[in-house]
Amino acid sequence: MEGVLLAYEQEMLRRWGEEQERLAPFRRQDHRLSHDDMVLTVNWETALNRKSTLLNCSVTADADSGFVYRLDVDFDPRIAPLDTFRNAYLDESGAPANLTTTYT
């Protein structure tokens, strides 16, 4: 039984190797990226706020495979994430502050 399974694995490996050699000239070593920015209007209403909410969306993906590298949705365009991080975790000189290595 072991000999039969070994022969099967060797044959499958040989076929895979031939397929890789056949496809080698067609392989791309670079990436083609697709990027899109859009604004979506969402009807999120509360008792105090009856207007629509704008969502700023940004997507970057590989054009050939469709693999999504990054997907961002900004719920409030008035908030700058980098400024929020600096204010929360850095002191006036830019050194880390308010950080802890103890997590609950």
PDB file of N, CA and C in Angstrom:
ATOM      1  N   MET A   1       0.825  -1.194   0.000  1.00  0.00           N
ATOM      2  CA  MET A   1       0.000   0.000   0.000  1.00  0.00           C
ATOM      3  C   MET A   1       0.872   1.262   0.000  1.00  0.00           C
ATOM      4  N   GLU A   2       1.955   1.217   0.805  1.00  0.00           N
ATOM      5  CA  GLU A   2       2.830   2.375   0.881  1.00  0.00           C
ATOM      6  C   GLU A   2       3.459   2.666  -0.483  1.00  0.00           C
ATOM      7  N   GLY A   3       3.840   1.642  -1.214  1.00  0.00           N
ATOM      8  CA  GLY A   3       4.431   1.828  -2.532  1.00  0.00           C
ATOM      9  C   GLY A   3       3.455   2.453  -3.515  1.00  0.00           C
ATOM     10  N   VAL A   4       2.211   2.043  -3.451  1.00  0.00           N
ATOM     11  CA  VAL A   4       1.184   2.613  -4.343  1.00  0.00           C
ATOM     12  C   VAL A   4       0.968   4.088  -4.026  1.00  0.00           C
ATOM     13  N   LEU A   5       0.866   4.422  -2.737  1.00  0.00           N
ATOM     14  CA  LEU A   5       0.663   5.823  -2.347  1.00  0.00           C
ATOM     15  C   LEU A   5       1.869   6.671  -2.723  1.00  0.00           C
ATOM     16  N   LEU A   6       3.075   6.150  -2.554  1.00  0.00           N
ATOM     17  CA  LEU A   6       4.277   6.883  -2.935  1.00  0.00           C
ATOM     18  C   LEU A   6       4.308   7.129  -4.440  1.00  0.00           C
ATOM     19  N   ALA A   7       3.973   6.121  -5.232  1.00  0.00           N
ATOM     20  CA  ALA A   7       3.934   6.283  -6.691  1.00  0.00           C
ATOM     21  C   ALA A   7       2.894   7.330  -7.085  1.00  0.00           C
ATOM     22  N   TYR A   8       1.747   7.333  -6.416  1.00  0.00           N
ATOM     23  CA  TYR A   8       0.693   8.319  -6.709  1.00  0.00           C
ATOM     24  C   TYR A   8       1.196   9.727  -6.399  1.00  0.00           C
ATOM     25  N   GLU A   9       1.827   9.905  -5.243  1.00  0.00           N
ATOM     26  CA  GLU A   9       2.342  11.223  -4.873  1.00  0.00           C
ATOM     27  C   GLU A   9       3.402  11.696  -5.860  1.00  0.00           C
ATOM     28  N   GLN A  10       4.278  10.794  -6.295  1.00  0.00           N
ATOM     29  CA  GLN A  10       5.323  11.161  -7.259  1.00  0.00           C
ATOM     30  C   GLN A  10       4.710  11.576  -8.586  1.00  0.00           C
ATOM     31  N   GLU A  11       3.688  10.866  -9.037  1.00  0.00           N
ATOM     32  CA  GLU A  11       3.025  11.216 -10.299  1.00  0.00           C
ATOM     33  C   GLU A  11       2.326  12.568 -10.194  1.00  0.00           C
ATOM     34  N   MET A  12       1.656  12.808  -9.083  1.00  0.00           N
ATOM     35  CA  MET A  12       0.969  14.091  -8.909  1.00  0.00           C
ATOM     36  C   MET A  12       1.980  15.236  -8.845  1.00  0.00           C
ATOM     37  N   LEU A  13       3.117  15.018  -8.185  1.00  0.00           N
ATOM     38  CA  LEU A  13       4.170  16.026  -8.129  1.00  0.00           C
ATOM     39  C   LEU A  13       4.747  16.284  -9.511  1.00  0.00           C
ATOM     40  N   ARG A  14       4.932  15.243 -10.310  1.00  0.00           N
ATOM     41  CA  ARG A  14       5.439  15.399 -11.678  1.00  0.00           C
ATOM     42  C   ARG A  14       4.474  16.228 -12.507  1.00  0.00           C
ATOM     43  N   ARG A  15       3.169  15.942 -12.409  1.00  0.00           N
ATOM     44  CA  ARG A  15       2.164  16.696 -13.163  1.00  0.00           C
ATOM     45  C   ARG A  15       2.142  18.166 -12.736  1.00  0.00           C
ATOM     46  N   TRP A  16       2.239  18.368 -11.422  1.00  0.00           N
ATOM     47  CA  TRP A  16       2.250  19.739 -10.917  1.00  0.00           C
ATOM     48  C   TRP A  16       3.461  20.489 -11.461  1.00  0.00           C
ATOM     49  N   GLY A  17       4.631  19.842 -11.456  1.00  0.00           N
ATOM     50  CA  GLY A  17       5.843  20.465 -11.978  1.00  0.00           C
ATOM     51  C   GLY A  17       5.723  20.829 -13.447  1.00  0.00           C
ATOM     52  N   GLU A  18       5.134  19.941 -14.248  1.00  0.00           N
ATOM     53  CA  GLU A  18       4.929  20.227 -15.668  1.00  0.00           C
ATOM     54  C   GLU A  18       3.995  21.421 -15.853  1.00  0.00           C
ATOM     55  N   GLU A  19       2.965  21.477 -15.051  1.00  0.00           N
ATOM     56  CA  GLU A  19       2.010  22.597 -15.143  1.00  0.00           C
ATOM     57  C   GLU A  19       2.687  23.915 -14.775  1.00  0.00           C
ATOM     58  N   GLN A  20       3.550  23.892 -13.757  1.00  0.00           N
ATOM     59  CA  GLN A  20       4.265  25.100 -13.357  1.00  0.00           C
ATOM     60  C   GLN A  20       5.210  25.559 -14.460  1.00  0.00           C
ATOM     61  N   GLU A  21       5.897  24.619 -15.109  1.00  0.00           N
ATOM     62  CA  GLU A  21       6.786  24.972 -16.210  1.00  0.00           C
ATOM     63  C   GLU A  21       6.008  25.546 -17.387  1.00  0.00           C
ATOM     64  N   ARG A  22       4.829  24.970 -17.662  1.00  0.00           N
ATOM     65  CA  ARG A  22       4.000  25.456 -18.769  1.00  0.00           C
ATOM     66  C   ARG A  22       3.503  26.881 -18.518  1.00  0.00           C
ATOM     67  N   LEU A  23       3.186  27.189 -17.265  1.00  0.00           N
ATOM     68  CA  LEU A  23       2.643  28.509 -16.934  1.00  0.00           C
ATOM     69  C   LEU A  23       3.708  29.560 -16.668  1.00  0.00           C
ATOM     70  N   ALA A  24       4.948  29.158 -16.502  1.00  0.00           N
ATOM     71  CA  ALA A  24       6.022  30.089 -16.126  1.00  0.00           C
ATOM     72  C   ALA A  24       6.120  31.309 -17.040  1.00  0.00           C
ATOM     73  N   PRO A  25       6.049  31.167 -18.377  1.00  0.00           N
ATOM     74  CA  PRO A  25       6.169  32.367 -19.223  1.00  0.00           C
ATOM     75  C   PRO A  25       5.019  33.355 -19.052  1.00  0.00           C
ATOM     76  N   PHE A  26       3.898  32.904 -18.541  1.00  0.00           N
ATOM     77  CA  PHE A  26       2.728  33.762 -18.423  1.00  0.00           C
ATOM     78  C   PHE A  26       2.590  34.406 -17.052  1.00  0.00           C
ATOM     79  N   ARG A  27       3.470  34.056 -16.132  1.00  0.00           N
ATOM     80  CA  ARG A  27       3.367  34.611 -14.783  1.00  0.00           C
ATOM     81  C   ARG A  27       3.833  36.042 -14.769  1.00  0.00           C
ATOM     82  N   ARG A  28       3.070  36.837 -14.088  1.00  0.00           N
ATOM     83  CA  ARG A  28       3.428  38.237 -13.946  1.00  0.00           C
ATOM     84  C   ARG A  28       4.154  38.422 -12.623  1.00  0.00           C
ATOM     85  N   GLN A  29       5.206  39.190 -12.648  1.00  0.00           N
ATOM     86  CA  GLN A  29       5.947  39.473 -11.427  1.00  0.00           C
ATOM     87  C   GLN A  29       5.540  40.813 -10.830  1.00  0.00           C
ATOM     88  N   ASP A  30       4.704  41.561 -11.534  1.00  0.00           N
ATOM     89  CA  ASP A  30       4.251  42.841 -11.006  1.00  0.00           C
ATOM     90  C   ASP A  30       2.780  42.736 -10.608  1.00  0.00           C
ATOM     91  N   HIS A  31       2.306  43.758  -9.963  1.00  0.00           N
ATOM     92  CA  HIS A  31       0.912  43.787  -9.531  1.00  0.00           C
ATOM     93  C   HIS A  31       0.214  44.962 -10.206  1.00  0.00           C
ATOM     94  N   ARG A  32      -0.982  44.703 -10.683  1.00  0.00           N
ATOM     95  CA  ARG A  32      -1.813  45.778 -11.206  1.00  0.00           C
ATOM     96  C   ARG A  32      -2.868  46.050 -10.151  1.00  0.00           C
ATOM     97  N   LEU A  33      -2.893  47.275  -9.661  1.00  0.00           N
ATOM     98  CA  LEU A  33      -3.820  47.631  -8.598  1.00  0.00           C
ATOM     99  C   LEU A  33      -5.010  48.390  -9.157  1.00  0.00           C
ATOM    100  N   SER A  34      -6.151  48.113  -8.599  1.00  0.00           N
ATOM    101  CA  SER A  34      -7.363  48.874  -8.889  1.00  0.00           C
ATOM    102  C   SER A  34      -7.729  49.618  -7.615  1.00  0.00           C
ATOM    103  N   HIS A  35      -8.044  50.885  -7.759  1.00  0.00           N
ATOM    104  CA  HIS A  35      -8.404  51.693  -6.592  1.00  0.00           C
ATOM    105  C   HIS A  35      -9.661  52.488  -6.922  1.00  0.00           C
ATOM    106  N   ASP A  36     -10.532  52.597  -5.947  1.00  0.00           N
ATOM    107  CA  ASP A  36     -11.756  53.356  -6.153  1.00  0.00           C
ATOM    108  C   ASP A  36     -12.127  54.066  -4.857  1.00  0.00           C
ATOM    109  N   ASP A  37     -12.538  55.312  -4.996  1.00  0.00           N
ATOM    110  CA  ASP A  37     -13.074  56.093  -3.878  1.00  0.00           C
ATOM    111  C   ASP A  37     -14.517  56.421  -4.207  1.00  0.00           C
ATOM    112  N   MET A  38     -15.381  56.303  -3.229  1.00  0.00           N
ATOM    113  CA  MET A  38     -16.778  56.644  -3.465  1.00  0.00           C
ATOM    114  C   MET A  38     -17.403  57.148  -2.168  1.00  0.00           C
ATOM    115  N   VAL A  39     -18.468  57.889  -2.316  1.00  0.00           N
ATOM    116  CA  VAL A  39     -19.223  58.386  -1.171  1.00  0.00           C
ATOM    117  C   VAL A  39     -20.607  57.755  -1.232  1.00  0.00           C
ATOM    118  N   LEU A  40     -20.967  57.050  -0.174  1.00  0.00           N
ATOM    119  CA  LEU A  40     -22.272  56.413  -0.085  1.00  0.00           C
ATOM    120  C   LEU A  40     -23.153  57.190   0.878  1.00  0.00           C
ATOM    121  N   THR A  41     -24.392  57.398   0.504  1.00  0.00           N
ATOM    122  CA  THR A  41     -25.347  58.061   1.375  1.00  0.00           C
ATOM    123  C   THR A  41     -26.192  56.997   2.061  1.00  0.00           C
ATOM    124  N   VAL A  42     -26.162  57.027   3.391  1.00  0.00           N
ATOM    125  CA  VAL A  42     -26.876  56.037   4.174  1.00  0.00           C
ATOM    126  C   VAL A  42     -27.933  56.746   5.012  1.00  0.00           C
ATOM    127  N   ASN A  43     -29.119  56.197   5.054  1.00  0.00           N
ATOM    128  CA  ASN A  43     -30.217  56.790   5.791  1.00  0.00           C
ATOM    129  C   ASN A  43     -30.220  56.255   7.223  1.00  0.00           C
ATOM    130  N   TRP A  44     -29.304  56.809   8.045  1.00  0.00           N
ATOM    131  CA  TRP A  44     -29.255  56.455   9.460  1.00  0.00           C
ATOM    132  C   TRP A  44     -29.890  57.600  10.225  1.00  0.00           C
ATOM    133  N   GLU A  45     -31.056  57.403  10.738  1.00  0.00           N
ATOM    134  CA  GLU A  45     -31.746  58.460  11.460  1.00  0.00           C
ATOM    135  C   GLU A  45     -31.846  58.119  12.939  1.00  0.00           C
ATOM    136  N   THR A  46     -31.718  59.149  13.748  1.00  0.00           N
ATOM    137  CA  THR A  46     -31.958  59.024  15.179  1.00  0.00           C
ATOM    138  C   THR A  46     -32.996  60.061  15.567  1.00  0.00           C
ATOM    139  N   ALA A  47     -33.407  60.051  16.796  1.00  0.00           N
ATOM    140  CA  ALA A  47     -34.400  61.026  17.247  1.00  0.00           C
ATOM    141  C   ALA A  47     -33.851  62.445  17.181  1.00  0.00           C
ATOM    142  N   LEU A  48     -32.524  62.600  17.358  1.00  0.00           N
ATOM    143  CA  LEU A  48     -31.920  63.926  17.339  1.00  0.00           C
ATOM    144  C   LEU A  48     -31.370  64.324  15.976  1.00  0.00           C
ATOM    145  N   ASN A  49     -31.095  63.365  15.121  1.00  0.00           N
ATOM    146  CA  ASN A  49     -30.454  63.640  13.844  1.00  0.00           C
ATOM    147  C   ASN A  49     -31.250  62.972  12.732  1.00  0.00           C
ATOM    148  N   ARG A  50     -31.942  63.760  11.925  1.00  0.00           N
ATOM    149  CA  ARG A  50     -32.802  63.223  10.869  1.00  0.00           C
ATOM    150  C   ARG A  50     -32.169  63.291   9.479  1.00  0.00           C
ATOM    151  N   LYS A  51     -30.898  63.636   9.388  1.00  0.00           N
ATOM    152  CA  LYS A  51     -30.276  63.734   8.062  1.00  0.00           C
ATOM    153  C   LYS A  51     -29.563  62.442   7.681  1.00  0.00           C
ATOM    154  N   SER A  52     -29.264  62.316   6.412  1.00  0.00           N
ATOM    155  CA  SER A  52     -28.525  61.155   5.917  1.00  0.00           C
ATOM    156  C   SER A  52     -27.057  61.275   6.305  1.00  0.00           C
ATOM    157  N   THR A  53     -26.397  60.131   6.433  1.00  0.00           N
ATOM    158  CA  THR A  53     -24.979  60.084   6.784  1.00  0.00           C
ATOM    159  C   THR A  53     -24.174  59.729   5.548  1.00  0.00           C
ATOM    160  N   LEU A  54     -23.094  60.480   5.310  1.00  0.00           N
ATOM    161  CA  LEU A  54     -22.214  60.206   4.181  1.00  0.00           C
ATOM    162  C   LEU A  54     -21.066  59.322   4.641  1.00  0.00           C
ATOM    163  N   LEU A  55     -20.819  58.234   3.911  1.00  0.00           N
ATOM    164  CA  LEU A  55     -19.702  57.343   4.198  1.00  0.00           C
ATOM    165  C   LEU A  55     -18.687  57.466   3.073  1.00  0.00           C
ATOM    166  N   ASN A  56     -17.472  57.871   3.413  1.00  0.00           N
ATOM    167  CA  ASN A  56     -16.386  57.944   2.436  1.00  0.00           C
ATOM    168  C   ASN A  56     -15.704  56.586   2.396  1.00  0.00           C
ATOM    169  N   CYS A  57     -15.736  55.920   1.251  1.00  0.00           N
ATOM    170  CA  CYS A  57     -15.189  54.571   1.106  1.00  0.00           C
ATOM    171  C   CYS A  57     -13.992  54.601   0.163  1.00  0.00           C
ATOM    172  N   SER A  58     -12.990  53.791   0.503  1.00  0.00           N
ATOM    173  CA  SER A  58     -11.795  53.682  -0.318  1.00  0.00           C
ATOM    174  C   SER A  58     -11.394  52.214  -0.367  1.00  0.00           C
ATOM    175  N   VAL A  59     -11.186  51.679  -1.587  1.00  0.00           N
ATOM    176  CA  VAL A  59     -10.859  50.268  -1.768  1.00  0.00           C
ATOM    177  C   VAL A  59      -9.666  50.152  -2.711  1.00  0.00           C
ATOM    178  N   THR A  60      -8.691  49.304  -2.342  1.00  0.00           N
ATOM    179  CA  THR A  60      -7.569  48.972  -3.212  1.00  0.00           C
ATOM    180  C   THR A  60      -7.505  47.457  -3.332  1.00  0.00           C
ATOM    181  N   ALA A  61      -7.462  46.962  -4.574  1.00  0.00           N
ATOM    182  CA  ALA A  61      -7.460  45.515  -4.803  1.00  0.00           C
ATOM    183  C   ALA A  61      -6.518  45.177  -5.955  1.00  0.00           C
ATOM    184  N   ASP A  62      -6.106  43.908  -6.017  1.00  0.00           N
ATOM    185  CA  ASP A  62      -5.319  43.407  -7.127  1.00  0.00           C
ATOM    186  C   ASP A  62      -6.240  43.226  -8.325  1.00  0.00           C
ATOM    187  N   ALA A  63      -5.881  43.813  -9.468  1.00  0.00           N
ATOM    188  CA  ALA A  63      -6.768  43.797 -10.632  1.00  0.00           C
ATOM    189  C   ALA A  63      -6.933  42.404 -11.221  1.00  0.00           C
ATOM    190  N   ASP A  64      -5.915  41.562 -11.120  1.00  0.00           N
ATOM    191  CA  ASP A  64      -5.994  40.235 -11.730  1.00  0.00           C
ATOM    192  C   ASP A  64      -6.741  39.228 -10.866  1.00  0.00           C
ATOM    193  N   SER A  65      -6.411  39.199  -9.577  1.00  0.00           N
ATOM    194  CA  SER A  65      -7.011  38.176  -8.713  1.00  0.00           C
ATOM    195  C   SER A  65      -8.247  38.661  -7.974  1.00  0.00           C
ATOM    196  N   GLY A  66      -8.382  39.973  -7.815  1.00  0.00           N
ATOM    197  CA  GLY A  66      -9.493  40.503  -7.030  1.00  0.00           C
ATOM    198  C   GLY A  66      -9.208  40.544  -5.543  1.00  0.00           C
ATOM    199  N   PHE A  67      -7.991  40.160  -5.114  1.00  0.00           N
ATOM    200  CA  PHE A  67      -7.628  40.180  -3.705  1.00  0.00           C
ATOM    201  C   PHE A  67      -7.669  41.612  -3.194  1.00  0.00           C
ATOM    202  N   VAL A  68      -8.418  41.850  -2.118  1.00  0.00           N
ATOM    203  CA  VAL A  68      -8.567  43.195  -1.561  1.00  0.00           C
ATOM    204  C   VAL A  68      -7.427  43.465  -0.587  1.00  0.00           C
ATOM    205  N   TYR A  69      -6.607  44.478  -0.906  1.00  0.00           N
ATOM    206  CA  TYR A  69      -5.506  44.846  -0.037  1.00  0.00           C
ATOM    207  C   TYR A  69      -5.983  45.750   1.098  1.00  0.00           C
ATOM    208  N   ARG A  70      -6.905  46.635   0.790  1.00  0.00           N
ATOM    209  CA  ARG A  70      -7.332  47.607   1.789  1.00  0.00           C
ATOM    210  C   ARG A  70      -8.751  48.044   1.504  1.00  0.00           C
ATOM    211  N   LEU A  71      -9.524  48.165   2.568  1.00  0.00           N
ATOM    212  CA  LEU A  71     -10.895  48.651   2.474  1.00  0.00           C
ATOM    213  C   LEU A  71     -11.120  49.568   3.661  1.00  0.00           C
ATOM    214  N   ASP A  72     -11.374  50.840   3.394  1.00  0.00           N
ATOM    215  CA  ASP A  72     -11.580  51.817   4.462  1.00  0.00           C
ATOM    216  C   ASP A  72     -12.948  52.464   4.300  1.00  0.00           C
ATOM    217  N   VAL A  73     -13.591  52.680   5.429  1.00  0.00           N
ATOM    218  CA  VAL A  73     -14.834  53.437   5.457  1.00  0.00           C
ATOM    219  C   VAL A  73     -14.679  54.488   6.540  1.00  0.00           C
ATOM    220  N   ASP A  74     -14.847  55.736   6.169  1.00  0.00           N
ATOM    221  CA  ASP A  74     -14.699  56.864   7.079  1.00  0.00           C
ATOM    222  C   ASP A  74     -16.094  57.356   7.443  1.00  0.00           C
ATOM    223  N   PHE A  75     -16.511  57.089   8.670  1.00  0.00           N
ATOM    224  CA  PHE A  75     -17.851  57.471   9.086  1.00  0.00           C
ATOM    225  C   PHE A  75     -17.993  58.964   9.331  1.00  0.00           C
ATOM    226  N   ASP A  76     -16.921  59.630   9.655  1.00  0.00           N
ATOM    227  CA  ASP A  76     -16.980  61.067   9.925  1.00  0.00           C
ATOM    228  C   ASP A  76     -15.785  61.738   9.261  1.00  0.00           C
ATOM    229  N   PRO A  77     -15.988  62.408   8.138  1.00  0.00           N
ATOM    230  CA  PRO A  77     -14.851  63.001   7.414  1.00  0.00           C
ATOM    231  C   PRO A  77     -14.167  64.131   8.180  1.00  0.00           C
ATOM    232  N   ARG A  78     -14.760  64.610   9.269  1.00  0.00           N
ATOM    233  CA  ARG A  78     -14.131  65.675  10.049  1.00  0.00           C
ATOM    234  C   ARG A  78     -13.053  65.128  10.976  1.00  0.00           C
ATOM    235  N   ILE A  79     -12.983  63.800  11.144  1.00  0.00           N
ATOM    236  CA  ILE A  79     -12.003  63.197  12.037  1.00  0.00           C
ATOM    237  C   ILE A  79     -10.781  62.764  11.232  1.00  0.00           C
ATOM    238  N   ALA A  80      -9.619  63.197  11.667  1.00  0.00           N
ATOM    239  CA  ALA A  80      -8.358  62.792  11.038  1.00  0.00           C
ATOM    240  C   ALA A  80      -7.752  61.690  11.904  1.00  0.00           C
ATOM    241  N   PRO A  81      -7.675  60.448  11.406  1.00  0.00           N
ATOM    242  CA  PRO A  81      -7.182  59.343  12.235  1.00  0.00           C
ATOM    243  C   PRO A  81      -5.784  59.569  12.807  1.00  0.00           C
ATOM    244  N   LEU A  82      -4.889  60.157  12.024  1.00  0.00           N
ATOM    245  CA  LEU A  82      -3.529  60.375  12.501  1.00  0.00           C
ATOM    246  C   LEU A  82      -3.505  61.373  13.654  1.00  0.00           C
ATOM    247  N   ASP A  83      -4.291  62.444  13.541  1.00  0.00           N
ATOM    248  CA  ASP A  83      -4.367  63.419  14.631  1.00  0.00           C
ATOM    249  C   ASP A  83      -4.978  62.794  15.884  1.00  0.00           C
ATOM    250  N   THR A  84      -5.987  61.966  15.708  1.00  0.00           N
ATOM    251  CA  THR A  84      -6.606  61.292  16.850  1.00  0.00           C
ATOM    252  C   THR A  84      -5.604  60.386  17.551  1.00  0.00           C
ATOM    253  N   PHE A  85      -4.804  59.647  16.784  1.00  0.00           N
ATOM    254  CA  PHE A  85      -3.769  58.783  17.361  1.00  0.00           C
ATOM    255  C   PHE A  85      -2.733  59.610  18.110  1.00  0.00           C
ATOM    256  N   ARG A  86      -2.274  60.692  17.489  1.00  0.00           N
ATOM    257  CA  ARG A  86      -1.260  61.542  18.141  1.00  0.00           C
ATOM    258  C   ARG A  86      -1.780  62.101  19.464  1.00  0.00           C
ATOM    259  N   ASN A  87      -3.005  62.574  19.462  1.00  0.00           N
ATOM    260  CA  ASN A  87      -3.579  63.156  20.675  1.00  0.00           C
ATOM    261  C   ASN A  87      -3.769  62.116  21.767  1.00  0.00           C
ATOM    262  N   ALA A  88      -4.087  60.886  21.398  1.00  0.00           N
ATOM    263  CA  ALA A  88      -4.372  59.851  22.392  1.00  0.00           C
ATOM    264  C   ALA A  88      -3.121  59.147  22.899  1.00  0.00           C
ATOM    265  N   TYR A  89      -2.093  58.970  22.036  1.00  0.00           N
ATOM    266  CA  TYR A  89      -0.973  58.097  22.399  1.00  0.00           C
ATOM    267  C   TYR A  89       0.405  58.738  22.349  1.00  0.00           C
ATOM    268  N   LEU A  90       0.521  60.007  21.998  1.00  0.00           N
ATOM    269  CA  LEU A  90       1.827  60.658  21.945  1.00  0.00           C
ATOM    270  C   LEU A  90       1.822  61.911  22.820  1.00  0.00           C
ATOM    271  N   ASP A  91       3.003  62.249  23.372  1.00  0.00           N
ATOM    272  CA  ASP A  91       3.092  63.488  24.136  1.00  0.00           C
ATOM    273  C   ASP A  91       3.459  64.643  23.201  1.00  0.00           C
ATOM    274  N   GLU A  92       3.751  65.807  23.790  1.00  0.00           N
ATOM    275  CA  GLU A  92       4.025  67.006  22.984  1.00  0.00           C
ATOM    276  C   GLU A  92       5.264  66.847  22.092  1.00  0.00           C
ATOM    277  N   SER A  93       6.239  66.034  22.544  1.00  0.00           N
ATOM    278  CA  SER A  93       7.467  65.848  21.757  1.00  0.00           C
ATOM    279  C   SER A  93       7.354  64.716  20.741  1.00  0.00           C
ATOM    280  N   GLY A  94       6.219  64.013  20.718  1.00  0.00           N
ATOM    281  CA  GLY A  94       6.027  62.911  19.777  1.00  0.00           C
ATOM    282  C   GLY A  94       6.448  61.570  20.318  1.00  0.00           C
ATOM    283  N   ALA A  95       6.825  61.501  21.587  1.00  0.00           N
ATOM    284  CA  ALA A  95       7.204  60.236  22.213  1.00  0.00           C
ATOM    285  C   ALA A  95       5.954  59.499  22.682  1.00  0.00           C
ATOM    286  N   PRO A  96       5.995  58.168  22.702  1.00  0.00           N
ATOM    287  CA  PRO A  96       4.815  57.406  23.131  1.00  0.00           C
ATOM    288  C   PRO A  96       4.410  57.768  24.573  1.00  0.00           C
ATOM    289  N   ALA A  97       3.121  57.922  24.764  1.00  0.00           N
ATOM    290  CA  ALA A  97       2.562  58.207  26.086  1.00  0.00           C
ATOM    291  C   ALA A  97       1.215  57.499  26.175  1.00  0.00           C
ATOM    292  N   ASN A  98       0.746  57.294  27.386  1.00  0.00           N
ATOM    293  CA  ASN A  98      -0.544  56.652  27.619  1.00  0.00           C
ATOM    294  C   ASN A  98      -0.592  55.245  27.042  1.00  0.00           C
ATOM    295  N   LEU A  99       0.562  54.600  26.946  1.00  0.00           N
ATOM    296  CA  LEU A  99       0.601  53.232  26.451  1.00  0.00           C
ATOM    297  C   LEU A  99       0.910  52.305  27.612  1.00  0.00           C
ATOM    298  N   THR A 100       0.363  51.115  27.561  1.00  0.00           N
ATOM    299  CA  THR A 100       0.622  50.131  28.596  1.00  0.00           C
ATOM    300  C   THR A 100       0.822  48.759  27.954  1.00  0.00           C
ATOM    301  N   THR A 101       1.596  47.925  28.614  1.00  0.00           N
ATOM    302  CA  THR A 101       1.791  46.574  28.094  1.00  0.00           C
ATOM    303  C   THR A 101       0.926  45.567  28.835  1.00  0.00           C
ATOM    304  N   THR A 102       0.073  46.072  29.712  1.00  0.00           N
ATOM    305  CA  THR A 102      -0.838  45.212  30.455  1.00  0.00           C
ATOM    306  C   THR A 102      -2.223  45.343  29.848  1.00  0.00           C
ATOM    307  N   TYR A 103      -2.720  44.243  29.312  1.00  0.00           N
ATOM    308  CA  TYR A 103      -4.019  44.264  28.660  1.00  0.00           C
ATOM    309  C   TYR A 103      -5.014  43.480  29.502  1.00  0.00           C
ATOM    310  N   THR A 104      -6.215  43.975  29.561  1.00  0.00           N
ATOM    311  CA  THR A 104      -7.256  43.278  30.328  1.00  0.00           C
ATOM    312  C   THR A 104      -8.162  42.509  29.390  1.00  0.00           C
TER     313      THR A 104
END
